[in-house]
């Protein structure tokens, strides 16, 4: 079954062109197009059908991408948000991630890279290209919570090596020869110790502190 997508962009020609590209992808289909966040909310309420992914522009009238992402985060956290914008500056990337986006792409992205990004977002729960990852890493350099000394067990260190992979938590559990619930406890304990909230944060910590597998 194909993953469903709603495009939110106030430029109709761009949205329709993007729809045509995505509808040719093997595993994805666009089920609707919205002009801004307010239009999206109304469509979701009217149909009651939630998409798997929302491709979200940032600069829009009435209700912009930041506001829309935050609303989705608060009301439908199960929907994965991929920002798709012309804005690639540090502030926009960081603000979109804090608002709930799990991925970030520029509008000049090649269709094949878009398809790959959507696949990664679906399977891993997040996707950031190298340039966006660098912004995320840089933003965490001044985060004192990540610099403080914490005691990390050997099993938690092992778990950290897998956070940067494409493995699901269930697959990580198989690798570590334990139950998925135990893996979730490692995740929760590390998030509490390091004052982090997501797997992306854990992966960043793992890379910065040498826990990532080579």
C-alpha atoms as a PDB file:
ATOM      1  CA  UNK A   1       0.000   0.000   0.000  1.00  0.00           C
ATOM      2  CA  UNK A   2       1.317   3.415  -0.946  1.00  0.00           C
ATOM      3  CA  UNK A   3       2.135   6.033   1.687  1.00  0.00           C
ATOM      4  CA  UNK A   4      -0.195   9.012   1.423  1.00  0.00           C
ATOM      5  CA  UNK A   5       0.968  12.623   1.186  1.00  0.00           C
ATOM      6  CA  UNK A   6      -0.638  16.053   1.414  1.00  0.00           C
ATOM      7  CA  UNK A   7       1.252  18.992  -0.098  1.00  0.00           C
ATOM      8  CA  UNK A   8       0.885  22.372   1.620  1.00  0.00           C
ATOM      9  CA  UNK A   9       2.090  25.212  -0.608  1.00  0.00           C
ATOM     10  CA  UNK A  10       0.492  28.505  -1.582  1.00  0.00           C
ATOM     11  CA  UNK A  11       1.973  28.327  -5.087  1.00  0.00           C
ATOM     12  CA  UNK A  12      -0.549  26.110  -6.869  1.00  0.00           C
ATOM     13  CA  UNK A  13       1.557  25.521  -9.976  1.00  0.00           C
ATOM     14  CA  UNK A  14       4.479  24.305  -7.874  1.00  0.00           C
ATOM     15  CA  UNK A  15       2.198  22.112  -5.769  1.00  0.00           C
ATOM     16  CA  UNK A  16       0.576  20.529  -8.819  1.00  0.00           C
ATOM     17  CA  UNK A  17       3.944  19.948 -10.503  1.00  0.00           C
ATOM     18  CA  UNK A  18       5.209  18.334  -7.306  1.00  0.00           C
ATOM     19  CA  UNK A  19       2.095  16.173  -7.154  1.00  0.00           C
ATOM     20  CA  UNK A  20       2.760  14.937 -10.672  1.00  0.00           C
ATOM     21  CA  UNK A  21       6.318  13.981  -9.743  1.00  0.00           C
ATOM     22  CA  UNK A  22       5.343  12.174  -6.533  1.00  0.00           C
ATOM     23  CA  UNK A  23       2.472  10.282  -8.136  1.00  0.00           C
ATOM     24  CA  UNK A  24       5.066   8.610 -10.361  1.00  0.00           C
ATOM     25  CA  UNK A  25       6.926   7.285  -7.323  1.00  0.00           C
ATOM     26  CA  UNK A  26       6.393   3.601  -6.601  1.00  0.00           C
ATOM     27  CA  UNK A  27       5.531   3.871  -2.910  1.00  0.00           C
ATOM     28  CA  UNK A  28       3.852   7.282  -2.565  1.00  0.00           C
ATOM     29  CA  UNK A  29       0.751   9.129  -3.711  1.00  0.00           C
ATOM     30  CA  UNK A  30      -0.590  12.638  -3.147  1.00  0.00           C
ATOM     31  CA  UNK A  31      -4.139  12.635  -1.819  1.00  0.00           C
ATOM     32  CA  UNK A  32      -4.655  16.394  -1.486  1.00  0.00           C
ATOM     33  CA  UNK A  33      -3.130  19.856  -1.844  1.00  0.00           C
ATOM     34  CA  UNK A  34      -3.651  22.736   0.606  1.00  0.00           C
ATOM     35  CA  UNK A  35      -2.817  26.414   0.117  1.00  0.00           C
ATOM     36  CA  UNK A  36      -1.711  27.120   3.686  1.00  0.00           C
ATOM     37  CA  UNK A  37      -1.957  25.783   7.223  1.00  0.00           C
ATOM     38  CA  UNK A  38      -5.500  26.963   7.804  1.00  0.00           C
ATOM     39  CA  UNK A  39      -6.641  25.341   4.558  1.00  0.00           C
ATOM     40  CA  UNK A  40      -4.902  22.115   5.609  1.00  0.00           C
ATOM     41  CA  UNK A  41      -6.604  22.055   9.009  1.00  0.00           C
ATOM     42  CA  UNK A  42      -9.995  22.534   7.395  1.00  0.00           C
ATOM     43  CA  UNK A  43      -9.353  19.739   4.899  1.00  0.00           C
ATOM     44  CA  UNK A  44      -8.237  17.345   7.659  1.00  0.00           C
ATOM     45  CA  UNK A  45     -11.320  18.131   9.723  1.00  0.00           C
ATOM     46  CA  UNK A  46     -13.684  17.818   6.766  1.00  0.00           C
ATOM     47  CA  UNK A  47     -12.364  14.505   5.477  1.00  0.00           C
ATOM     48  CA  UNK A  48     -11.206  12.948   8.745  1.00  0.00           C
ATOM     49  CA  UNK A  49      -8.500  11.187   6.722  1.00  0.00           C
ATOM     50  CA  UNK A  50      -4.936  11.737   7.882  1.00  0.00           C
ATOM     51  CA  UNK A  51      -1.967  11.369   5.518  1.00  0.00           C
ATOM     52  CA  UNK A  52       1.228   9.550   6.407  1.00  0.00           C
ATOM     53  CA  UNK A  53       3.358  12.521   5.386  1.00  0.00           C
ATOM     54  CA  UNK A  54       2.850  16.242   4.906  1.00  0.00           C
ATOM     55  CA  UNK A  55       5.175  18.160   2.578  1.00  0.00           C
ATOM     56  CA  UNK A  56       5.165  21.623   4.090  1.00  0.00           C
ATOM     57  CA  UNK A  57       6.285  24.940   2.644  1.00  0.00           C
ATOM     58  CA  UNK A  58       7.399  27.625   5.109  1.00  0.00           C
ATOM     59  CA  UNK A  59       6.522  30.999   3.579  1.00  0.00           C
ATOM     60  CA  UNK A  60       2.752  31.047   3.224  1.00  0.00           C
ATOM     61  CA  UNK A  61       0.025  33.602   3.944  1.00  0.00           C
ATOM     62  CA  UNK A  62      -2.659  33.151   6.622  1.00  0.00           C
ATOM     63  CA  UNK A  63      -0.811  30.341   8.466  1.00  0.00           C
ATOM     64  CA  UNK A  64       2.846  29.718   7.693  1.00  0.00           C
ATOM     65  CA  UNK A  65       4.893  26.521   7.877  1.00  0.00           C
ATOM     66  CA  UNK A  66       6.177  27.083  11.415  1.00  0.00           C
ATOM     67  CA  UNK A  67       2.675  27.600  12.771  1.00  0.00           C
ATOM     68  CA  UNK A  68       1.321  24.666  10.789  1.00  0.00           C
ATOM     69  CA  UNK A  69       4.074  22.284  11.937  1.00  0.00           C
ATOM     70  CA  UNK A  70       3.494  23.260  15.558  1.00  0.00           C
ATOM     71  CA  UNK A  71      -0.260  22.666  15.206  1.00  0.00           C
ATOM     72  CA  UNK A  72       0.367  19.255  13.651  1.00  0.00           C
ATOM     73  CA  UNK A  73       2.865  18.389  16.400  1.00  0.00           C
ATOM     74  CA  UNK A  74       0.265  19.200  19.043  1.00  0.00           C
ATOM     75  CA  UNK A  75      -2.769  17.667  17.336  1.00  0.00           C
ATOM     76  CA  UNK A  76      -1.501  14.906  15.034  1.00  0.00           C
ATOM     77  CA  UNK A  77       2.043  13.904  16.111  1.00  0.00           C
ATOM     78  CA  UNK A  78       1.691  10.643  14.168  1.00  0.00           C
ATOM     79  CA  UNK A  79       1.928  12.552  10.872  1.00  0.00           C
ATOM     80  CA  UNK A  80       5.489  12.914   9.621  1.00  0.00           C
ATOM     81  CA  UNK A  81       6.341  16.434   8.458  1.00  0.00           C
ATOM     82  CA  UNK A  82       8.860  17.089   5.694  1.00  0.00           C
ATOM     83  CA  UNK A  83       9.677  20.766   5.217  1.00  0.00           C
ATOM     84  CA  UNK A  84      10.113  21.614   1.543  1.00  0.00           C
ATOM     85  CA  UNK A  85      11.212  25.198   1.122  1.00  0.00           C
ATOM     86  CA  UNK A  86      13.460  27.672  -0.660  1.00  0.00           C
ATOM     87  CA  UNK A  87      14.722  28.753   2.771  1.00  0.00           C
ATOM     88  CA  UNK A  88      17.861  26.891   3.824  1.00  0.00           C
ATOM     89  CA  UNK A  89      19.175  29.267   6.470  1.00  0.00           C
ATOM     90  CA  UNK A  90      20.096  28.037   9.950  1.00  0.00           C
ATOM     91  CA  UNK A  91      17.213  29.773  11.713  1.00  0.00           C
ATOM     92  CA  UNK A  92      14.567  28.290   9.418  1.00  0.00           C
ATOM     93  CA  UNK A  93      15.955  24.768   9.727  1.00  0.00           C
ATOM     94  CA  UNK A  94      16.264  24.875  13.528  1.00  0.00           C
ATOM     95  CA  UNK A  95      12.865  26.529  13.979  1.00  0.00           C
ATOM     96  CA  UNK A  96      11.121  23.970  11.741  1.00  0.00           C
ATOM     97  CA  UNK A  97      12.703  21.072  13.621  1.00  0.00           C
ATOM     98  CA  UNK A  98      11.675  22.566  16.963  1.00  0.00           C
ATOM     99  CA  UNK A  99       8.171  23.026  15.554  1.00  0.00           C
ATOM    100  CA  UNK A 100       7.937  19.331  14.742  1.00  0.00           C
ATOM    101  CA  UNK A 101       9.411  18.730  11.272  1.00  0.00           C
ATOM    102  CA  UNK A 102      11.148  15.364  10.900  1.00  0.00           C
ATOM    103  CA  UNK A 103      12.803  16.221   7.605  1.00  0.00           C
ATOM    104  CA  UNK A 104      13.984  19.203   5.592  1.00  0.00           C
ATOM    105  CA  UNK A 105      14.573  19.602   1.864  1.00  0.00           C
ATOM    106  CA  UNK A 106      15.091  22.495  -0.518  1.00  0.00           C
ATOM    107  CA  UNK A 107      12.782  22.923  -3.484  1.00  0.00           C
ATOM    108  CA  UNK A 108      15.629  22.462  -5.952  1.00  0.00           C
ATOM    109  CA  UNK A 109      16.049  18.857  -4.764  1.00  0.00           C
ATOM    110  CA  UNK A 110      16.258  16.281  -7.562  1.00  0.00           C
ATOM    111  CA  UNK A 111      13.140  14.045  -7.827  1.00  0.00           C
ATOM    112  CA  UNK A 112      15.225  10.927  -7.095  1.00  0.00           C
ATOM    113  CA  UNK A 113      16.569  12.532  -3.938  1.00  0.00           C
ATOM    114  CA  UNK A 114      13.037  13.505  -2.955  1.00  0.00           C
ATOM    115  CA  UNK A 115      11.876   9.918  -3.387  1.00  0.00           C
ATOM    116  CA  UNK A 116      14.807   8.660  -1.316  1.00  0.00           C
ATOM    117  CA  UNK A 117      14.107  11.248   1.383  1.00  0.00           C
ATOM    118  CA  UNK A 118      10.447  10.239   1.594  1.00  0.00           C
ATOM    119  CA  UNK A 119      11.456   6.584   1.869  1.00  0.00           C
ATOM    120  CA  UNK A 120      13.910   7.350   4.677  1.00  0.00           C
ATOM    121  CA  UNK A 121      11.339   9.481   6.460  1.00  0.00           C
ATOM    122  CA  UNK A 122       8.819   6.635   6.262  1.00  0.00           C
ATOM    123  CA  UNK A 123      11.200   3.920   7.451  1.00  0.00           C
ATOM    124  CA  UNK A 124      13.374   5.794   9.960  1.00  0.00           C
ATOM    125  CA  UNK A 125      11.003   8.490  11.147  1.00  0.00           C
ATOM    126  CA  UNK A 126      13.338  11.306  10.092  1.00  0.00           C
ATOM    127  CA  UNK A 127      15.528  12.478   7.197  1.00  0.00           C
ATOM    128  CA  UNK A 128      17.976  15.358   6.993  1.00  0.00           C
ATOM    129  CA  UNK A 129      20.426  15.837   4.101  1.00  0.00           C
ATOM    130  CA  UNK A 130      24.066  16.425   4.979  1.00  0.00           C
ATOM    131  CA  UNK A 131      23.834  20.216   4.831  1.00  0.00           C
ATOM    132  CA  UNK A 132      20.861  20.249   7.229  1.00  0.00           C
ATOM    133  CA  UNK A 133      22.557  17.758   9.563  1.00  0.00           C
ATOM    134  CA  UNK A 134      25.529  20.115   9.851  1.00  0.00           C
ATOM    135  CA  UNK A 135      23.201  22.896  10.949  1.00  0.00           C
ATOM    136  CA  UNK A 136      21.634  20.601  13.545  1.00  0.00           C
ATOM    137  CA  UNK A 137      25.039  19.487  14.858  1.00  0.00           C
ATOM    138  CA  UNK A 138      26.232  23.080  15.031  1.00  0.00           C
ATOM    139  CA  UNK A 139      23.127  24.169  16.922  1.00  0.00           C
ATOM    140  CA  UNK A 140      23.865  21.600  19.596  1.00  0.00           C
ATOM    141  CA  UNK A 141      27.455  22.733  20.167  1.00  0.00           C
ATOM    142  CA  UNK A 142      26.345  25.243  22.736  1.00  0.00           C
ATOM    143  CA  UNK A 143      23.866  22.929  24.425  1.00  0.00           C
ATOM    144  CA  UNK A 144      25.194  22.555  27.961  1.00  0.00           C
ATOM    145  CA  UNK A 145      22.847  19.675  28.607  1.00  0.00           C
ATOM    146  CA  UNK A 146      24.779  17.579  26.124  1.00  0.00           C
ATOM    147  CA  UNK A 147      28.174  18.663  27.469  1.00  0.00           C
ATOM    148  CA  UNK A 148      27.578  17.690  31.066  1.00  0.00           C
ATOM    149  CA  UNK A 149      29.174  14.516  32.357  1.00  0.00           C
ATOM    150  CA  UNK A 150      26.694  11.653  32.578  1.00  0.00           C
ATOM    151  CA  UNK A 151      27.141   8.004  33.377  1.00  0.00           C
ATOM    152  CA  UNK A 152      26.297   5.850  30.369  1.00  0.00           C
ATOM    153  CA  UNK A 153      26.216   2.078  30.755  1.00  0.00           C
ATOM    154  CA  UNK A 154      27.865  -0.273  28.274  1.00  0.00           C
ATOM    155  CA  UNK A 155      24.467  -1.403  26.989  1.00  0.00           C
ATOM    156  CA  UNK A 156      23.386   2.199  26.516  1.00  0.00           C
ATOM    157  CA  UNK A 157      26.617   2.851  24.592  1.00  0.00           C
ATOM    158  CA  UNK A 158      25.823  -0.142  22.406  1.00  0.00           C
ATOM    159  CA  UNK A 159      22.340   1.230  21.803  1.00  0.00           C
ATOM    160  CA  UNK A 160      23.822   4.612  20.840  1.00  0.00           C
ATOM    161  CA  UNK A 161      25.867   2.972  18.074  1.00  0.00           C
ATOM    162  CA  UNK A 162      22.624   1.837  16.450  1.00  0.00           C
ATOM    163  CA  UNK A 163      20.813   5.192  16.666  1.00  0.00           C
ATOM    164  CA  UNK A 164      22.705   6.468  13.621  1.00  0.00           C
ATOM    165  CA  UNK A 165      21.722   3.463  11.499  1.00  0.00           C
ATOM    166  CA  UNK A 166      18.565   2.838   9.491  1.00  0.00           C
ATOM    167  CA  UNK A 167      17.480   0.029  11.837  1.00  0.00           C
ATOM    168  CA  UNK A 168      14.082   0.226  13.514  1.00  0.00           C
ATOM    169  CA  UNK A 169      13.873  -0.168  17.289  1.00  0.00           C
ATOM    170  CA  UNK A 170      12.622  -3.730  16.779  1.00  0.00           C
ATOM    171  CA  UNK A 171      15.649  -4.517  14.603  1.00  0.00           C
ATOM    172  CA  UNK A 172      17.964  -2.903  17.148  1.00  0.00           C
ATOM    173  CA  UNK A 173      16.448  -5.169  19.806  1.00  0.00           C
ATOM    174  CA  UNK A 174      17.285  -8.202  17.676  1.00  0.00           C
ATOM    175  CA  UNK A 175      20.864  -6.999  17.259  1.00  0.00           C
ATOM    176  CA  UNK A 176      21.192  -6.454  21.017  1.00  0.00           C
ATOM    177  CA  UNK A 177      19.479  -9.774  21.838  1.00  0.00           C
ATOM    178  CA  UNK A 178      16.842  -8.170  24.021  1.00  0.00           C
ATOM    179  CA  UNK A 179      13.190  -7.174  23.836  1.00  0.00           C
ATOM    180  CA  UNK A 180      11.926  -4.036  22.045  1.00  0.00           C
ATOM    181  CA  UNK A 181      10.684  -2.797  25.416  1.00  0.00           C
ATOM    182  CA  UNK A 182      14.234  -2.991  26.807  1.00  0.00           C
ATOM    183  CA  UNK A 183      15.507  -0.974  23.853  1.00  0.00           C
ATOM    184  CA  UNK A 184      12.801   1.599  24.511  1.00  0.00           C
ATOM    185  CA  UNK A 185      13.971   1.817  28.127  1.00  0.00           C
ATOM    186  CA  UNK A 186      17.540   2.525  26.934  1.00  0.00           C
ATOM    187  CA  UNK A 187      16.153   5.252  24.697  1.00  0.00           C
ATOM    188  CA  UNK A 188      14.057   6.807  27.459  1.00  0.00           C
ATOM    189  CA  UNK A 189      16.886   6.666  30.013  1.00  0.00           C
ATOM    190  CA  UNK A 190      19.351   8.295  27.632  1.00  0.00           C
ATOM    191  CA  UNK A 191      16.877  10.980  26.627  1.00  0.00           C
ATOM    192  CA  UNK A 192      16.363  11.805  30.301  1.00  0.00           C
ATOM    193  CA  UNK A 193      20.100  11.789  31.104  1.00  0.00           C
ATOM    194  CA  UNK A 194      21.017  13.923  28.101  1.00  0.00           C
ATOM    195  CA  UNK A 195      17.905  16.126  28.116  1.00  0.00           C
ATOM    196  CA  UNK A 196      17.010  15.021  24.583  1.00  0.00           C
ATOM    197  CA  UNK A 197      13.645  14.239  23.053  1.00  0.00           C
ATOM    198  CA  UNK A 198      14.155  12.383  19.769  1.00  0.00           C
ATOM    199  CA  UNK A 199      16.234   9.735  18.031  1.00  0.00           C
ATOM    200  CA  UNK A 200      17.758  12.495  15.933  1.00  0.00           C
ATOM    201  CA  UNK A 201      19.106  14.076  19.106  1.00  0.00           C
ATOM    202  CA  UNK A 202      20.502  10.749  20.282  1.00  0.00           C
ATOM    203  CA  UNK A 203      22.126  10.164  16.896  1.00  0.00           C
ATOM    204  CA  UNK A 204      23.726  13.606  16.988  1.00  0.00           C
ATOM    205  CA  UNK A 205      25.055  12.906  20.493  1.00  0.00           C
ATOM    206  CA  UNK A 206      26.382   9.513  19.369  1.00  0.00           C
ATOM    207  CA  UNK A 207      28.257  11.028  16.429  1.00  0.00           C
ATOM    208  CA  UNK A 208      29.676  13.946  18.409  1.00  0.00           C
ATOM    209  CA  UNK A 209      30.885  11.708  21.220  1.00  0.00           C
ATOM    210  CA  UNK A 210      32.361   8.876  19.191  1.00  0.00           C
ATOM    211  CA  UNK A 211      29.693   6.241  19.835  1.00  0.00           C
ATOM    212  CA  UNK A 212      28.667   5.933  16.174  1.00  0.00           C
ATOM    213  CA  UNK A 213      29.791   2.849  14.325  1.00  0.00           C
ATOM    214  CA  UNK A 214      32.453   3.420  11.714  1.00  0.00           C
END
